[in-house]
């Protein structure tokens, strides 16, 4: 089965996760923290940004994949996936605080609304699809 939407979103998620990991490495180096967070708030913020990404993204990808498999991969689902990934980038940057701290809220709301919307639509699709 060909799942171009799911494959594209999984690739984007992989790249975002790598970007978040690199950002942790950069701050660990600059703050001289080799293991864990060292009690350093900046390291903790970066680690939480990646952990939060890992907490949400698998569910979003599973729901996108399941909807795509069920034949519901319309243009809107592509848009939802792209908006989700942009929201996760905003969250990662916003977790640093500073000038773009609003990004954290944007990313959080985008993630929650995406998960809620996809979950609700998946329940709807599952309830109207005939049992085979």
Protein backbone atom coordinates (compact mmCIF):
# COMPACT_ATOMS: atom_id res chain seq x y z
CA UNK A 1 0.00 0.00 0.00
CA UNK A 2 1.29 3.42 -0.94
CA UNK A 3 0.99 6.00 1.88
CA UNK A 4 2.61 9.21 0.58
CA UNK A 5 1.06 11.46 3.23
CA UNK A 6 2.11 9.27 6.14
CA UNK A 7 5.58 8.79 4.66
CA UNK A 8 6.02 12.54 4.15
CA UNK A 9 4.85 13.40 7.67
CA UNK A 10 7.01 10.65 9.22
CA UNK A 11 10.03 12.01 7.33
CA UNK A 12 9.26 15.54 8.52
CA UNK A 13 8.89 14.24 12.08
CA UNK A 14 12.22 12.46 11.84
CA UNK A 15 13.95 15.63 10.69
CA UNK A 16 12.31 17.74 13.40
CA UNK A 17 13.32 15.21 16.05
CA UNK A 18 16.90 15.30 14.76
CA UNK A 19 16.85 19.12 14.83
CA UNK A 20 15.59 19.07 18.43
CA UNK A 21 18.33 16.58 19.41
CA UNK A 22 21.02 18.74 17.80
CA UNK A 23 19.74 21.77 19.72
CA UNK A 24 20.07 19.80 22.97
CA UNK A 25 23.64 18.88 22.08
CA UNK A 26 24.47 22.50 21.31
CA UNK A 27 23.20 23.78 24.65
CA UNK A 28 24.82 20.91 26.57
CA UNK A 29 28.13 21.83 24.99
CA UNK A 30 27.75 25.54 25.70
CA UNK A 31 26.61 24.90 29.28
CA UNK A 32 29.18 22.15 29.90
CA UNK A 33 26.59 19.48 30.78
CA UNK A 34 27.71 16.07 29.55
CA UNK A 35 25.03 13.79 31.06
CA UNK A 36 21.39 14.52 31.89
CA UNK A 37 20.28 18.08 32.44
CA UNK A 38 22.79 19.07 35.13
CA UNK A 39 20.04 21.11 36.80
CA UNK A 40 20.49 23.68 34.03
CA UNK A 41 17.17 25.31 33.07
CA UNK A 42 18.20 25.90 29.45
CA UNK A 43 19.15 22.24 29.01
CA UNK A 44 15.91 21.19 30.70
CA UNK A 45 13.88 23.41 28.36
CA UNK A 46 15.51 21.92 25.27
CA UNK A 47 15.10 18.37 26.57
CA UNK A 48 11.43 18.97 27.35
CA UNK A 49 10.86 20.38 23.87
CA UNK A 50 12.08 17.10 22.37
CA UNK A 51 10.29 14.95 24.94
CA UNK A 52 7.03 16.78 24.29
CA UNK A 53 7.50 16.22 20.55
CA UNK A 54 7.98 12.50 21.17
CA UNK A 55 4.89 12.41 23.40
CA UNK A 56 2.52 13.78 20.75
CA UNK A 57 3.93 12.88 17.34
CA UNK A 58 3.51 9.08 17.33
CA UNK A 59 -0.24 9.43 17.96
CA UNK A 60 -0.58 12.05 15.23
CA UNK A 61 1.34 9.87 12.76
CA UNK A 62 -0.70 6.78 13.62
CA UNK A 63 -3.95 8.69 13.13
CA UNK A 64 -2.77 10.19 9.83
CA UNK A 65 -1.69 6.75 8.65
CA UNK A 66 -4.94 5.10 9.67
CA UNK A 67 -7.04 7.78 8.01
CA UNK A 68 -4.92 7.55 4.87
CA UNK A 69 -5.34 3.74 4.83
CA UNK A 70 -9.09 4.15 5.19
CA UNK A 71 -9.19 6.35 2.09
CA UNK A 72 -9.57 9.66 3.90
CA UNK A 73 -6.34 11.36 2.79
CA UNK A 74 -7.91 14.47 1.32
CA UNK A 75 -6.09 17.77 0.90
CA UNK A 76 -7.27 18.88 4.34
CA UNK A 77 -5.36 15.99 5.95
CA UNK A 78 -2.17 17.14 4.24
CA UNK A 79 -2.82 20.65 5.58
CA UNK A 80 -3.37 19.30 9.10
CA UNK A 81 -0.06 17.42 8.93
CA UNK A 82 1.85 20.48 7.70
CA UNK A 83 0.28 22.76 10.32
CA UNK A 84 1.13 20.23 13.03
CA UNK A 85 4.79 20.09 11.96
CA UNK A 86 5.04 23.89 11.82
CA UNK A 87 3.47 24.05 15.27
CA UNK A 88 6.09 21.61 16.57
CA UNK A 89 8.88 23.81 15.17
CA UNK A 90 7.30 26.82 16.87
CA UNK A 91 7.07 24.89 20.15
CA UNK A 92 10.73 23.89 19.98
CA UNK A 93 11.81 27.49 19.46
CA UNK A 94 9.32 28.82 22.00
CA UNK A 95 10.64 26.55 24.73
CA UNK A 96 13.83 28.64 24.71
CA UNK A 97 11.82 31.58 26.01
CA UNK A 98 13.01 34.99 24.93
CA UNK A 99 11.59 36.77 21.89
CA UNK A 100 9.70 33.75 20.53
CA UNK A 101 8.19 32.43 23.76
CA UNK A 102 4.74 32.69 22.15
CA UNK A 103 5.84 29.78 19.95
CA UNK A 104 5.47 27.44 22.91
CA UNK A 105 1.78 28.27 23.26
CA UNK A 106 1.24 28.12 19.49
CA UNK A 107 2.88 24.69 19.35
CA UNK A 108 0.97 23.39 22.35
CA UNK A 109 -2.41 24.51 21.02
CA UNK A 110 -1.62 23.21 17.54
CA UNK A 111 -0.65 19.83 18.97
CA UNK A 112 -3.69 19.50 21.20
CA UNK A 113 -6.14 20.63 18.53
CA UNK A 114 -4.54 18.36 15.92
CA UNK A 115 -4.71 15.35 18.21
CA UNK A 116 -8.29 16.15 19.24
CA UNK A 117 -9.44 16.73 15.66
CA UNK A 118 -7.76 13.65 14.20
CA UNK A 119 -8.99 11.47 17.07
CA UNK A 120 -12.54 12.70 16.70
CA UNK A 121 -12.52 12.23 12.94
CA UNK A 122 -11.01 8.75 13.29
CA UNK A 123 -13.83 7.79 15.67
CA UNK A 124 -16.34 9.13 13.15
CA UNK A 125 -14.75 7.25 10.25
CA UNK A 126 -14.60 4.04 12.28
CA UNK A 127 -18.27 4.37 13.21
CA UNK A 128 -19.52 4.87 9.66
CA UNK A 129 -17.30 2.34 7.90
CA UNK A 130 -18.94 -1.01 7.23
CA UNK A 131 -17.60 -3.99 9.16
CA UNK A 132 -16.00 -6.56 6.87
